[in-house]
N, C-alpha and C. Protein backbone atom coordinates (compact mmCIF):
# COMPACT_ATOMS: atom_id res chain seq x y z
N MET A 1 33.97 -4.14 30.27
CA MET A 1 33.53 -5.19 31.16
C MET A 1 34.69 -5.70 32.01
N LYS A 2 35.86 -5.74 31.39
CA LYS A 2 37.05 -6.19 32.11
C LYS A 2 37.36 -5.26 33.29
N GLN A 3 37.25 -3.94 33.06
CA GLN A 3 37.50 -2.97 34.12
C GLN A 3 36.50 -3.13 35.26
N LEU A 4 35.25 -3.38 34.92
CA LEU A 4 34.23 -3.59 35.94
C LEU A 4 34.55 -4.83 36.77
N ASN A 5 34.91 -5.91 36.13
CA ASN A 5 35.27 -7.15 36.85
C ASN A 5 36.47 -6.94 37.76
N GLN A 6 37.47 -6.17 37.27
CA GLN A 6 38.65 -5.88 38.09
C GLN A 6 38.26 -5.05 39.32
N LYS A 7 37.42 -4.06 39.11
CA LYS A 7 36.98 -3.21 40.22
C LYS A 7 36.19 -4.03 41.25
N LEU A 8 35.32 -4.89 40.77
CA LEU A 8 34.54 -5.74 41.67
C LEU A 8 35.45 -6.69 42.45
N ALA A 9 36.51 -7.15 41.82
CA ALA A 9 37.42 -8.08 42.48
C ALA A 9 38.30 -7.39 43.52
N THR A 10 38.63 -6.12 43.32
CA THR A 10 39.56 -5.44 44.23
C THR A 10 38.91 -4.56 45.28
N GLU A 11 37.68 -4.13 45.08
CA GLU A 11 37.06 -3.14 45.97
C GLU A 11 36.13 -3.72 47.05
N ASN A 12 35.96 -5.02 47.10
CA ASN A 12 35.12 -5.67 48.11
C ASN A 12 33.70 -5.07 48.13
N PRO A 13 32.97 -5.20 47.03
CA PRO A 13 31.63 -4.60 46.95
C PRO A 13 30.58 -5.43 47.68
N ILE A 14 29.48 -4.76 48.03
CA ILE A 14 28.31 -5.45 48.57
C ILE A 14 27.10 -4.96 47.77
N SER A 15 26.05 -5.74 47.80
CA SER A 15 24.82 -5.30 47.14
C SER A 15 23.77 -5.07 48.22
N THR A 16 22.97 -4.04 48.01
CA THR A 16 21.92 -3.69 48.95
C THR A 16 20.76 -3.06 48.19
N GLN A 17 19.62 -3.04 48.83
CA GLN A 17 18.44 -2.44 48.18
C GLN A 17 18.54 -0.92 48.26
N ALA A 18 18.16 -0.27 47.17
CA ALA A 18 18.19 1.19 47.13
C ALA A 18 17.16 1.76 48.09
N ASP A 19 17.40 2.98 48.56
CA ASP A 19 16.50 3.63 49.51
C ASP A 19 15.11 3.89 48.96
N LYS A 20 15.02 4.29 47.72
CA LYS A 20 13.73 4.78 47.21
C LYS A 20 13.07 3.87 46.19
N ASP A 21 13.80 3.07 45.51
CA ASP A 21 13.23 2.24 44.45
C ASP A 21 13.43 0.77 44.77
N LYS A 22 12.82 -0.05 43.96
CA LYS A 22 13.00 -1.50 44.10
C LYS A 22 14.16 -1.93 43.22
N THR A 23 15.29 -1.30 43.42
CA THR A 23 16.49 -1.62 42.65
C THR A 23 17.60 -2.04 43.60
N ILE A 24 18.58 -2.67 43.05
CA ILE A 24 19.73 -3.11 43.84
C ILE A 24 20.90 -2.20 43.52
N VAL A 25 21.64 -1.82 44.55
CA VAL A 25 22.80 -0.96 44.41
C VAL A 25 24.03 -1.78 44.77
N ILE A 26 25.07 -1.64 43.99
CA ILE A 26 26.35 -2.26 44.33
C ILE A 26 27.25 -1.13 44.80
N ILE A 27 27.78 -1.29 46.01
CA ILE A 27 28.59 -0.23 46.63
C ILE A 27 29.79 -0.86 47.33
N ILE A 28 30.87 -0.14 47.36
CA ILE A 28 32.08 -0.61 48.05
C ILE A 28 31.76 -0.68 49.54
N SER A 29 32.11 -1.79 50.18
CA SER A 29 31.71 -2.01 51.57
C SER A 29 32.23 -0.93 52.52
N GLU A 30 33.45 -0.44 52.30
CA GLU A 30 33.97 0.65 53.15
C GLU A 30 33.11 1.90 53.04
N LYS A 31 32.72 2.22 51.83
CA LYS A 31 31.89 3.41 51.61
C LYS A 31 30.51 3.22 52.25
N TYR A 32 29.97 2.01 52.14
CA TYR A 32 28.67 1.71 52.75
C TYR A 32 28.76 1.84 54.27
N SER A 33 29.78 1.27 54.87
CA SER A 33 29.97 1.38 56.32
C SER A 33 30.09 2.83 56.76
N TYR A 34 30.83 3.62 55.98
CA TYR A 34 30.99 5.04 56.28
C TYR A 34 29.65 5.76 56.23
N LYS A 35 28.85 5.47 55.20
CA LYS A 35 27.54 6.12 55.07
C LYS A 35 26.63 5.76 56.24
N ILE A 36 26.62 4.49 56.62
CA ILE A 36 25.80 4.06 57.76
C ILE A 36 26.26 4.74 59.04
N HIS A 37 27.55 4.75 59.28
CA HIS A 37 28.10 5.39 60.49
C HIS A 37 27.76 6.89 60.51
N THR A 38 27.92 7.56 59.39
CA THR A 38 27.60 8.98 59.29
C THR A 38 26.12 9.23 59.57
N PHE A 39 25.26 8.41 58.99
CA PHE A 39 23.82 8.56 59.21
C PHE A 39 23.48 8.39 60.70
N LEU A 40 24.04 7.38 61.32
CA LEU A 40 23.73 7.13 62.73
C LEU A 40 24.24 8.23 63.65
N THR A 41 25.43 8.72 63.39
CA THR A 41 25.98 9.76 64.26
C THR A 41 25.33 11.12 64.04
N THR A 42 25.03 11.47 62.80
CA THR A 42 24.43 12.78 62.55
C THR A 42 22.97 12.84 62.97
N ASN A 43 22.33 11.69 63.12
CA ASN A 43 20.93 11.66 63.55
C ASN A 43 20.79 11.27 65.03
N ASN A 44 21.89 11.34 65.75
CA ASN A 44 21.91 11.13 67.20
C ASN A 44 21.37 9.77 67.66
N PHE A 45 21.63 8.72 66.91
CA PHE A 45 21.29 7.38 67.36
C PHE A 45 22.27 6.99 68.46
N ARG A 46 21.82 6.18 69.38
CA ARG A 46 22.72 5.69 70.42
C ARG A 46 22.39 4.24 70.72
N THR A 47 23.35 3.54 71.25
CA THR A 47 23.18 2.14 71.59
C THR A 47 22.51 2.04 72.94
N LEU A 48 21.49 1.21 73.03
CA LEU A 48 20.80 0.99 74.30
C LEU A 48 21.51 -0.11 75.08
N PRO A 49 21.53 0.00 76.40
CA PRO A 49 22.22 -1.02 77.19
C PRO A 49 21.53 -2.39 77.12
N ARG A 50 20.21 -2.38 76.90
CA ARG A 50 19.50 -3.65 76.76
C ARG A 50 18.26 -3.43 75.89
N ASP A 51 17.70 -4.51 75.40
CA ASP A 51 16.54 -4.45 74.50
C ASP A 51 15.29 -4.07 75.30
N PRO A 52 14.63 -2.95 74.98
CA PRO A 52 13.46 -2.50 75.74
C PRO A 52 12.13 -3.10 75.27
N THR A 53 12.17 -4.01 74.33
CA THR A 53 10.94 -4.53 73.73
C THR A 53 9.97 -5.07 74.77
N ASP A 54 10.44 -5.96 75.63
CA ASP A 54 9.54 -6.56 76.63
C ASP A 54 8.94 -5.51 77.57
N ARG A 55 9.71 -4.53 77.90
CA ARG A 55 9.24 -3.48 78.81
C ARG A 55 7.98 -2.81 78.28
N TYR A 56 7.91 -2.60 76.98
CA TYR A 56 6.76 -1.93 76.38
C TYR A 56 5.74 -2.89 75.79
N GLN A 57 6.20 -4.01 75.28
CA GLN A 57 5.32 -4.94 74.60
C GLN A 57 4.32 -5.58 75.56
N LYS A 58 4.76 -5.96 76.75
CA LYS A 58 3.87 -6.62 77.71
C LYS A 58 2.73 -5.71 78.17
N PRO A 59 2.99 -4.47 78.60
CA PRO A 59 1.87 -3.60 79.00
C PRO A 59 0.92 -3.27 77.84
N ILE A 60 1.47 -3.10 76.65
CA ILE A 60 0.62 -2.80 75.50
C ILE A 60 -0.27 -4.00 75.20
N HIS A 61 0.31 -5.18 75.23
CA HIS A 61 -0.47 -6.40 74.98
C HIS A 61 -1.58 -6.55 76.03
N LYS A 62 -1.24 -6.31 77.28
CA LYS A 62 -2.23 -6.43 78.36
C LYS A 62 -3.37 -5.42 78.16
N THR A 63 -3.02 -4.20 77.82
CA THR A 63 -4.03 -3.16 77.61
C THR A 63 -4.95 -3.51 76.45
N THR A 64 -4.38 -3.98 75.37
CA THR A 64 -5.22 -4.33 74.22
C THR A 64 -6.11 -5.53 74.52
N GLN A 65 -5.64 -6.43 75.38
CA GLN A 65 -6.47 -7.57 75.77
C GLN A 65 -7.66 -7.11 76.61
N GLU A 66 -7.46 -6.07 77.43
CA GLU A 66 -8.50 -5.60 78.35
C GLU A 66 -9.46 -4.58 77.72
N CYS A 67 -9.04 -3.92 76.67
CA CYS A 67 -9.83 -2.82 76.13
C CYS A 67 -10.53 -3.21 74.84
N ASN A 68 -11.84 -3.39 74.92
CA ASN A 68 -12.58 -3.76 73.72
C ASN A 68 -13.00 -2.54 72.90
N LEU A 69 -12.67 -1.35 73.37
CA LEU A 69 -12.98 -0.14 72.59
C LEU A 69 -11.95 0.08 71.48
N ILE A 70 -10.76 -0.43 71.67
CA ILE A 70 -9.70 -0.25 70.68
C ILE A 70 -9.73 -1.39 69.65
N ILE A 71 -9.77 -2.62 70.15
CA ILE A 71 -9.70 -3.80 69.29
C ILE A 71 -10.83 -4.75 69.65
N ASP A 72 -11.51 -5.22 68.65
CA ASP A 72 -12.55 -6.22 68.86
C ASP A 72 -11.89 -7.50 69.38
N LYS A 73 -12.32 -7.99 70.53
CA LYS A 73 -11.68 -9.15 71.15
C LYS A 73 -11.71 -10.38 70.26
N ARG A 74 -12.63 -10.44 69.34
CA ARG A 74 -12.68 -11.59 68.44
C ARG A 74 -11.53 -11.59 67.45
N GLN A 75 -10.87 -10.43 67.29
CA GLN A 75 -9.75 -10.32 66.37
C GLN A 75 -8.41 -10.64 67.03
N ILE A 76 -8.38 -10.77 68.34
CA ILE A 76 -7.14 -11.03 69.07
C ILE A 76 -6.91 -12.54 69.11
N ILE A 77 -5.75 -12.94 68.67
CA ILE A 77 -5.37 -14.35 68.73
C ILE A 77 -4.55 -14.53 70.01
N PRO A 78 -5.02 -15.36 70.94
CA PRO A 78 -4.32 -15.50 72.21
C PRO A 78 -2.94 -16.15 72.06
N ASN A 79 -2.05 -15.76 72.96
CA ASN A 79 -0.71 -16.35 73.05
C ASN A 79 0.11 -16.23 71.77
N THR A 80 0.01 -15.09 71.11
CA THR A 80 0.85 -14.87 69.93
C THR A 80 1.86 -13.80 70.26
N LYS A 81 3.05 -14.00 69.76
CA LYS A 81 4.10 -13.02 69.96
C LYS A 81 5.01 -13.08 68.75
N GLU A 82 5.22 -11.95 68.13
CA GLU A 82 6.12 -11.91 66.99
C GLU A 82 7.55 -11.98 67.48
N THR A 83 8.38 -12.64 66.73
CA THR A 83 9.78 -12.73 67.07
C THR A 83 10.51 -11.54 66.47
N LEU A 84 11.22 -10.83 67.31
CA LEU A 84 11.99 -9.68 66.84
C LEU A 84 13.45 -10.08 66.73
N THR A 85 14.11 -9.55 65.74
CA THR A 85 15.52 -9.84 65.55
C THR A 85 16.31 -8.60 65.95
N THR A 86 17.27 -8.78 66.81
CA THR A 86 18.12 -7.69 67.24
C THR A 86 19.40 -7.74 66.43
N HIS A 87 19.76 -6.60 65.85
CA HIS A 87 21.00 -6.51 65.06
C HIS A 87 22.00 -5.70 65.85
N THR A 88 23.21 -6.15 65.85
CA THR A 88 24.27 -5.39 66.51
C THR A 88 25.19 -4.82 65.47
N GLN A 89 25.69 -3.65 65.74
CA GLN A 89 26.58 -2.98 64.79
C GLN A 89 27.99 -3.50 64.97
N SER A 90 28.60 -3.85 63.87
CA SER A 90 29.97 -4.32 63.90
C SER A 90 30.90 -3.12 64.08
N THR A 91 31.94 -3.30 64.86
CA THR A 91 32.89 -2.19 65.08
C THR A 91 34.08 -2.28 64.15
N THR A 92 34.02 -3.18 63.17
CA THR A 92 35.14 -3.31 62.24
C THR A 92 35.00 -2.39 61.08
């Protein structure tokens, strides 16, 4: 237990949810950052110059408001908009 406490104190660990199960993983933050960076670069992710949400969300919302074949108009709640959170990647 002492070795574990020493490792936790010196390695700057973080906790995160596991990919496949409802478990928590404790991982060294440098290793976690490396894994995230590797995943993003090997899967060809790129940073967008601006958030495209409004560009697509407004026409989709308008179309769904006009088209009763897709969605029953009684199920549409007027003037609702979900708040999206934009995350930026730290370069540290």
